[in-house]
Amino acid sequence: AVDVTRRERADVVLMDIRMPGTDGIAATREICTDPALAGVKVVILTTFEQDEYVFRALRAGACGFLGKGAEPHELLSAVRVAAAGDALLSPAAAKGLIRRFRTHDGGTAGGADGEGRPVPGLDVLTVREREVLALIAGGLSNDEIAGRLTVSPLTVKTHVNRTMGKLGARDRAQLVVAAYESGLVRPGTGAGGDGGSGTSG
């Protein structure tokens, strides 16, 4: 899968978790950490929409997670969403992600994720950037965030890009993970902490 991605210069990769010789999460991590493949979006396509798979896939750099039972039009939609830079989680995958963070009490700022990497704190973000991050975790698009905060979509995009840069996130999916891991947003309570927007997750 990695060799094909390099050869074809794909914009979006539909990745199976279970493949001969390697697993899709390892391949996703290799793609997402290769500077030569910067900008490539990976959507995990699998029947295993379990909590641990969802979390590991997103931490590896996947921007989305879709079940193999998805209809053709859903696959096309997923590719478009991923290409646009938005996070993509099927309902089952989203529930799995929420369950994981509920089990671990929403994560702790400055702690470590399930793979031992440090979770970035949010002290590097401005108050507005935290608000935007909380709303992203709530599933809002840039246009919806702009309406909520009464600013332009371009301003929101600027905040999103700066937040991604400060937190070392590749895309919106990783911003969602960061929001939960840091405790900014907690499952079932919407946006919390300094975000203060009260957005439902």
C-alpha atoms as a PDB file:
ATOM      1  CA  ALA A   1       0.000   0.000   0.000  1.00  0.00           C
ATOM      2  CA  VAL A   2       2.818   2.395   0.847  1.00  0.00           C
ATOM      3  CA  ASP A   3       4.670   1.646  -2.396  1.00  0.00           C
ATOM      4  CA  VAL A   4       1.503   2.152  -4.445  1.00  0.00           C
ATOM      5  CA  THR A   5       0.847   5.461  -2.697  1.00  0.00           C
ATOM      6  CA  ARG A   6       4.358   6.663  -3.510  1.00  0.00           C
ATOM      7  CA  ARG A   7       4.135   5.476  -7.106  1.00  0.00           C
ATOM      8  CA  GLU A   8       0.663   6.799  -7.879  1.00  0.00           C
ATOM      9  CA  ARG A   9       0.959  10.021  -5.851  1.00  0.00           C
ATOM     10  CA  ALA A  10      -2.569   9.528  -4.575  1.00  0.00           C
ATOM     11  CA  ASP A  11      -4.441  12.360  -2.895  1.00  0.00           C
ATOM     12  CA  VAL A  12      -6.622  10.011  -0.832  1.00  0.00           C
ATOM     13  CA  VAL A  13      -5.905   6.410   0.166  1.00  0.00           C
ATOM     14  CA  LEU A  14      -8.588   3.916   1.233  1.00  0.00           C
ATOM     15  CA  MET A  15      -6.652   1.661   3.609  1.00  0.00           C
ATOM     16  CA  ASP A  16      -7.667  -1.788   4.861  1.00  0.00           C
ATOM     17  CA  ILE A  17      -6.553  -2.527   8.432  1.00  0.00           C
ATOM     18  CA  ARG A  18      -5.831  -6.187   7.674  1.00  0.00           C
ATOM     19  CA  MET A  19      -3.395  -6.694   4.773  1.00  0.00           C
ATOM     20  CA  PRO A  20      -0.794  -9.383   3.927  1.00  0.00           C
ATOM     21  CA  GLY A  21       2.636  -8.589   5.341  1.00  0.00           C
ATOM     22  CA  THR A  22       1.634  -5.586   7.406  1.00  0.00           C
ATOM     23  CA  ASP A  23      -1.393  -4.027   9.027  1.00  0.00           C
ATOM     24  CA  GLY A  24      -3.178  -0.969   7.758  1.00  0.00           C
ATOM     25  CA  ILE A  25      -2.388   1.091  10.832  1.00  0.00           C
ATOM     26  CA  ALA A  26       1.364   0.544  10.389  1.00  0.00           C
ATOM     27  CA  ALA A  27       1.060   1.403   6.698  1.00  0.00           C
ATOM     28  CA  THR A  28      -0.959   4.497   7.573  1.00  0.00           C
ATOM     29  CA  ARG A  29       1.710   5.621  10.016  1.00  0.00           C
ATOM     30  CA  GLU A  30       4.426   5.113   7.391  1.00  0.00           C
ATOM     31  CA  ILE A  31       2.516   7.179   4.837  1.00  0.00           C
ATOM     32  CA  CYS A  32       1.663   9.942   7.272  1.00  0.00           C
ATOM     33  CA  THR A  33       5.217  10.300   8.575  1.00  0.00           C
ATOM     34  CA  ASP A  34       6.858  10.328   5.137  1.00  0.00           C
ATOM     35  CA  PRO A  35       7.697  13.947   4.175  1.00  0.00           C
ATOM     36  CA  ALA A  36       7.495  12.949   0.509  1.00  0.00           C
ATOM     37  CA  LEU A  37       3.831  12.035   1.017  1.00  0.00           C
ATOM     38  CA  ALA A  38       2.814  15.154   2.904  1.00  0.00           C
ATOM     39  CA  GLY A  39      -0.782  16.016   2.125  1.00  0.00           C
ATOM     40  CA  VAL A  40      -1.899  12.453   1.392  1.00  0.00           C
ATOM     41  CA  LYS A  41      -5.125  11.654   3.261  1.00  0.00           C
ATOM     42  CA  VAL A  42      -5.759   8.151   4.579  1.00  0.00           C
ATOM     43  CA  VAL A  43      -9.241   6.779   5.239  1.00  0.00           C
ATOM     44  CA  ILE A  44      -9.306   3.451   7.075  1.00  0.00           C
ATOM     45  CA  LEU A  45     -11.753   1.022   5.463  1.00  0.00           C
ATOM     46  CA  THR A  46     -12.492  -2.006   7.625  1.00  0.00           C
ATOM     47  CA  THR A  47     -15.031  -4.201   9.361  1.00  0.00           C
ATOM     48  CA  PHE A  48     -13.263  -3.640  12.688  1.00  0.00           C
ATOM     49  CA  GLU A  49     -14.928  -0.503  14.013  1.00  0.00           C
ATOM     50  CA  GLN A  50     -13.753  -1.194  17.550  1.00  0.00           C
ATOM     51  CA  ASP A  51     -12.609   1.380  20.074  1.00  0.00           C
ATOM     52  CA  GLU A  52      -8.905   0.526  19.956  1.00  0.00           C
ATOM     53  CA  TYR A  53      -8.811   0.376  16.156  1.00  0.00           C
ATOM     54  CA  VAL A  54     -10.491   3.762  15.858  1.00  0.00           C
ATOM     55  CA  PHE A  55      -8.096   5.394  18.291  1.00  0.00           C
ATOM     56  CA  ARG A  56      -4.947   3.801  16.857  1.00  0.00           C
ATOM     57  CA  ALA A  57      -5.952   4.658  13.299  1.00  0.00           C
ATOM     58  CA  LEU A  58      -6.434   8.325  14.132  1.00  0.00           C
ATOM     59  CA  ARG A  59      -3.224   8.470  16.142  1.00  0.00           C
ATOM     60  CA  ALA A  60      -1.391   6.932  13.185  1.00  0.00           C
ATOM     61  CA  GLY A  61      -2.541   9.862  11.075  1.00  0.00           C
ATOM     62  CA  ALA A  62      -5.730   8.612   9.409  1.00  0.00           C
ATOM     63  CA  CYS A  63      -8.218  11.365   8.690  1.00  0.00           C
ATOM     64  CA  GLY A  64     -11.189   9.050   8.664  1.00  0.00           C
ATOM     65  CA  PHE A  65     -12.617   5.656   9.466  1.00  0.00           C
ATOM     66  CA  LEU A  66     -15.336   3.980   7.403  1.00  0.00           C
ATOM     67  CA  GLY A  67     -16.942   0.549   7.651  1.00  0.00           C
ATOM     68  CA  LYS A  68     -16.685  -1.881   4.734  1.00  0.00           C
ATOM     69  CA  GLY A  69     -20.459  -1.985   4.629  1.00  0.00           C
ATOM     70  CA  ALA A  70     -20.505   1.553   3.238  1.00  0.00           C
ATOM     71  CA  GLU A  71     -22.416   2.055   0.000  1.00  0.00           C
ATOM     72  CA  PRO A  72     -20.572   3.244  -3.155  1.00  0.00           C
ATOM     73  CA  HIS A  73     -21.949   6.765  -2.800  1.00  0.00           C
ATOM     74  CA  GLU A  74     -20.718   6.820   0.795  1.00  0.00           C
ATOM     75  CA  LEU A  75     -17.218   5.873  -0.365  1.00  0.00           C
ATOM     76  CA  LEU A  76     -17.255   8.689  -2.914  1.00  0.00           C
ATOM     77  CA  SER A  77     -18.448  11.105  -0.264  1.00  0.00           C
ATOM     78  CA  ALA A  78     -15.700   9.907   2.089  1.00  0.00           C
ATOM     79  CA  VAL A  79     -13.029  10.558  -0.532  1.00  0.00           C
ATOM     80  CA  ARG A  80     -14.369  14.074  -1.116  1.00  0.00           C
ATOM     81  CA  VAL A  81     -14.527  14.823   2.611  1.00  0.00           C
ATOM     82  CA  ALA A  82     -10.991  13.544   3.154  1.00  0.00           C
ATOM     83  CA  ALA A  83      -9.652  15.463   0.151  1.00  0.00           C
ATOM     84  CA  ALA A  84     -11.184  18.639   1.579  1.00  0.00           C
ATOM     85  CA  GLY A  85      -9.217  18.105   4.793  1.00  0.00           C
ATOM     86  CA  ASP A  86     -12.174  17.305   7.035  1.00  0.00           C
ATOM     87  CA  ALA A  87     -12.353  14.511   9.603  1.00  0.00           C
ATOM     88  CA  LEU A  88     -14.449  11.511   8.638  1.00  0.00           C
ATOM     89  CA  LEU A  89     -15.866   9.078  11.168  1.00  0.00           C
ATOM     90  CA  SER A  90     -18.695   6.643  10.536  1.00  0.00           C
ATOM     91  CA  PRO A  91     -21.318   6.587  13.313  1.00  0.00           C
ATOM     92  CA  ALA A  92     -19.928   3.348  14.776  1.00  0.00           C
ATOM     93  CA  ALA A  93     -16.363   4.656  14.705  1.00  0.00           C
ATOM     94  CA  ALA A  94     -17.360   7.939  16.313  1.00  0.00           C
ATOM     95  CA  LYS A  95     -19.140   6.087  19.116  1.00  0.00           C
ATOM     96  CA  GLY A  96     -16.060   3.942  19.604  1.00  0.00           C
ATOM     97  CA  LEU A  97     -13.843   6.983  19.945  1.00  0.00           C
ATOM     98  CA  ILE A  98     -16.187   8.538  22.496  1.00  0.00           C
ATOM     99  CA  ARG A  99     -16.322   5.277  24.466  1.00  0.00           C
ATOM    100  CA  ARG A 100     -12.551   5.150  24.656  1.00  0.00           C
ATOM    101  CA  PHE A 101     -12.254   8.624  26.084  1.00  0.00           C
ATOM    102  CA  ARG A 102     -15.150   8.049  28.474  1.00  0.00           C
ATOM    103  CA  THR A 103     -13.342   4.956  29.787  1.00  0.00           C
ATOM    104  CA  HIS A 104     -10.192   6.991  30.333  1.00  0.00           C
ATOM    105  CA  ASP A 105     -12.062   9.987  31.777  1.00  0.00           C
ATOM    106  CA  GLY A 106     -11.497  12.150  28.753  1.00  0.00           C
ATOM    107  CA  GLY A 107      -7.694  12.036  28.949  1.00  0.00           C
ATOM    108  CA  THR A 108      -5.393  14.269  30.910  1.00  0.00           C
ATOM    109  CA  ALA A 109      -3.501  17.261  29.632  1.00  0.00           C
ATOM    110  CA  GLY A 110       0.209  16.669  29.481  1.00  0.00           C
ATOM    111  CA  GLY A 111      -0.225  12.893  29.728  1.00  0.00           C
ATOM    112  CA  ALA A 112       0.510  10.243  27.141  1.00  0.00           C
ATOM    113  CA  ASP A 113      -1.577   8.495  24.538  1.00  0.00           C
ATOM    114  CA  GLY A 114      -2.021   4.752  24.169  1.00  0.00           C
ATOM    115  CA  GLU A 115       1.255   4.486  22.244  1.00  0.00           C
ATOM    116  CA  GLY A 116       3.371   6.317  24.812  1.00  0.00           C
ATOM    117  CA  ARG A 117       3.652   9.634  22.987  1.00  0.00           C
ATOM    118  CA  PRO A 118       3.159  12.824  24.998  1.00  0.00           C
ATOM    119  CA  VAL A 119      -0.184  14.545  24.608  1.00  0.00           C
ATOM    120  CA  PRO A 120       0.316  18.217  23.740  1.00  0.00           C
ATOM    121  CA  GLY A 121      -1.004  20.741  26.249  1.00  0.00           C
ATOM    122  CA  LEU A 122      -3.229  23.564  25.122  1.00  0.00           C
ATOM    123  CA  ASP A 123      -1.321  26.360  26.837  1.00  0.00           C
ATOM    124  CA  VAL A 124       0.230  27.190  23.462  1.00  0.00           C
ATOM    125  CA  LEU A 125      -3.209  28.091  22.083  1.00  0.00           C
ATOM    126  CA  THR A 126      -5.012  31.398  22.369  1.00  0.00           C
ATOM    127  CA  VAL A 127      -8.476  31.504  23.910  1.00  0.00           C
ATOM    128  CA  ARG A 128     -10.024  31.813  20.450  1.00  0.00           C
ATOM    129  CA  GLU A 129      -8.021  28.868  19.135  1.00  0.00           C
ATOM    130  CA  ARG A 130      -9.286  26.761  22.032  1.00  0.00           C
ATOM    131  CA  GLU A 131     -12.838  27.782  21.213  1.00  0.00           C
ATOM    132  CA  VAL A 132     -12.331  26.750  17.607  1.00  0.00           C
ATOM    133  CA  LEU A 133     -10.723  23.465  18.668  1.00  0.00           C
ATOM    134  CA  ALA A 134     -13.661  22.642  20.945  1.00  0.00           C
ATOM    135  CA  LEU A 135     -16.122  23.311  18.132  1.00  0.00           C
ATOM    136  CA  ILE A 136     -14.128  21.149  15.724  1.00  0.00           C
ATOM    137  CA  ALA A 137     -14.307  18.348  18.294  1.00  0.00           C
ATOM    138  CA  GLY A 138     -18.054  18.933  18.360  1.00  0.00           C
ATOM    139  CA  GLY A 139     -18.185  18.097  14.657  1.00  0.00           C
ATOM    140  CA  LEU A 140     -18.780  21.584  13.276  1.00  0.00           C
ATOM    141  CA  SER A 141     -17.500  22.642   9.856  1.00  0.00           C
ATOM    142  CA  ASN A 142     -15.586  25.879   9.294  1.00  0.00           C
ATOM    143  CA  ASP A 143     -18.743  27.599   8.050  1.00  0.00           C
ATOM    144  CA  GLU A 144     -20.695  26.437  11.105  1.00  0.00           C
ATOM    145  CA  ILE A 145     -17.924  27.589  13.432  1.00  0.00           C
ATOM    146  CA  ALA A 146     -17.873  30.958  11.675  1.00  0.00           C
ATOM    147  CA  GLY A 147     -21.598  31.327  12.289  1.00  0.00           C
ATOM    148  CA  ARG A 148     -21.272  30.299  15.922  1.00  0.00           C
ATOM    149  CA  LEU A 149     -18.425  32.739  16.627  1.00  0.00           C
ATOM    150  CA  THR A 150     -19.691  35.489  14.294  1.00  0.00           C
ATOM    151  CA  VAL A 151     -16.481  35.639  12.277  1.00  0.00           C
ATOM    152  CA  SER A 152     -15.656  34.888   8.643  1.00  0.00           C
ATOM    153  CA  PRO A 153     -14.908  31.347   7.412  1.00  0.00           C
ATOM    154  CA  LEU A 154     -11.477  32.617   6.331  1.00  0.00           C
ATOM    155  CA  THR A 155     -10.759  33.701   9.904  1.00  0.00           C
ATOM    156  CA  VAL A 156     -11.810  30.278  11.162  1.00  0.00           C
ATOM    157  CA  LYS A 157      -9.553  28.608   8.597  1.00  0.00           C
ATOM    158  CA  THR A 158      -6.649  30.721   9.846  1.00  0.00           C
ATOM    159  CA  HIS A 159      -7.349  29.667  13.442  1.00  0.00           C
ATOM    160  CA  VAL A 160      -7.600  26.019  12.389  1.00  0.00           C
ATOM    161  CA  ASN A 161      -4.295  26.138  10.517  1.00  0.00           C
ATOM    162  CA  ARG A 162      -2.519  27.844  13.403  1.00  0.00           C
ATOM    163  CA  THR A 163      -3.953  25.349  15.879  1.00  0.00           C
ATOM    164  CA  MET A 164      -2.827  22.432  13.729  1.00  0.00           C
ATOM    165  CA  GLY A 165       0.655  23.919  13.532  1.00  0.00           C
ATOM    166  CA  LYS A 166       0.933  24.511  17.269  1.00  0.00           C
ATOM    167  CA  LEU A 167      -0.320  21.035  18.176  1.00  0.00           C
ATOM    168  CA  GLY A 168       1.544  19.230  15.411  1.00  0.00           C
ATOM    169  CA  ALA A 169      -1.709  17.886  13.952  1.00  0.00           C
ATOM    170  CA  ARG A 170      -1.934  16.765  10.326  1.00  0.00           C
ATOM    171  CA  ASP A 171      -5.651  17.339   9.988  1.00  0.00           C
ATOM    172  CA  ARG A 172      -8.963  17.892  11.764  1.00  0.00           C
ATOM    173  CA  ALA A 173      -9.194  14.277  12.896  1.00  0.00           C
ATOM    174  CA  GLN A 174      -6.040  14.691  14.951  1.00  0.00           C
ATOM    175  CA  LEU A 175      -7.383  17.951  16.347  1.00  0.00           C
ATOM    176  CA  VAL A 176     -10.435  16.032  17.576  1.00  0.00           C
ATOM    177  CA  VAL A 177      -8.157  13.516  19.297  1.00  0.00           C
ATOM    178  CA  ALA A 178      -6.113  16.340  20.864  1.00  0.00           C
ATOM    179  CA  ALA A 179      -9.260  18.033  22.164  1.00  0.00           C
ATOM    180  CA  TYR A 180     -10.339  14.867  23.992  1.00  0.00           C
ATOM    181  CA  GLU A 181      -6.868  13.874  25.189  1.00  0.00           C
ATOM    182  CA  SER A 182      -6.236  17.304  26.676  1.00  0.00           C
ATOM    183  CA  GLY A 183      -9.572  17.337  28.492  1.00  0.00           C
ATOM    184  CA  LEU A 184     -10.790  20.406  26.593  1.00  0.00           C
ATOM    185  CA  VAL A 185     -13.793  18.345  25.513  1.00  0.00           C
ATOM    186  CA  ARG A 186     -15.194  15.466  27.541  1.00  0.00           C
ATOM    187  CA  PRO A 187     -17.581  12.792  26.250  1.00  0.00           C
ATOM    188  CA  GLY A 188     -21.201  13.606  26.944  1.00  0.00           C
ATOM    189  CA  THR A 189     -20.533  17.149  28.159  1.00  0.00           C
ATOM    190  CA  GLY A 190     -19.696  18.982  24.949  1.00  0.00           C
ATOM    191  CA  ALA A 191     -16.937  21.560  24.787  1.00  0.00           C
ATOM    192  CA  GLY A 192     -15.476  22.221  28.177  1.00  0.00           C
ATOM    193  CA  GLY A 193     -12.441  23.836  29.691  1.00  0.00           C
ATOM    194  CA  ASP A 194     -11.304  27.109  28.188  1.00  0.00           C
ATOM    195  CA  GLY A 195     -13.357  26.524  25.044  1.00  0.00           C
ATOM    196  CA  GLY A 196     -16.527  27.382  26.928  1.00  0.00           C
ATOM    197  CA  SER A 197     -18.771  27.011  23.937  1.00  0.00           C
ATOM    198  CA  GLY A 198     -20.993  24.228  25.275  1.00  0.00           C
ATOM    199  CA  THR A 199     -20.990  22.423  21.955  1.00  0.00           C
ATOM    200  CA  SER A 200     -22.386  18.917  22.021  1.00  0.00           C
ATOM    201  CA  GLY A 201     -20.058  16.155  20.848  1.00  0.00           C
END
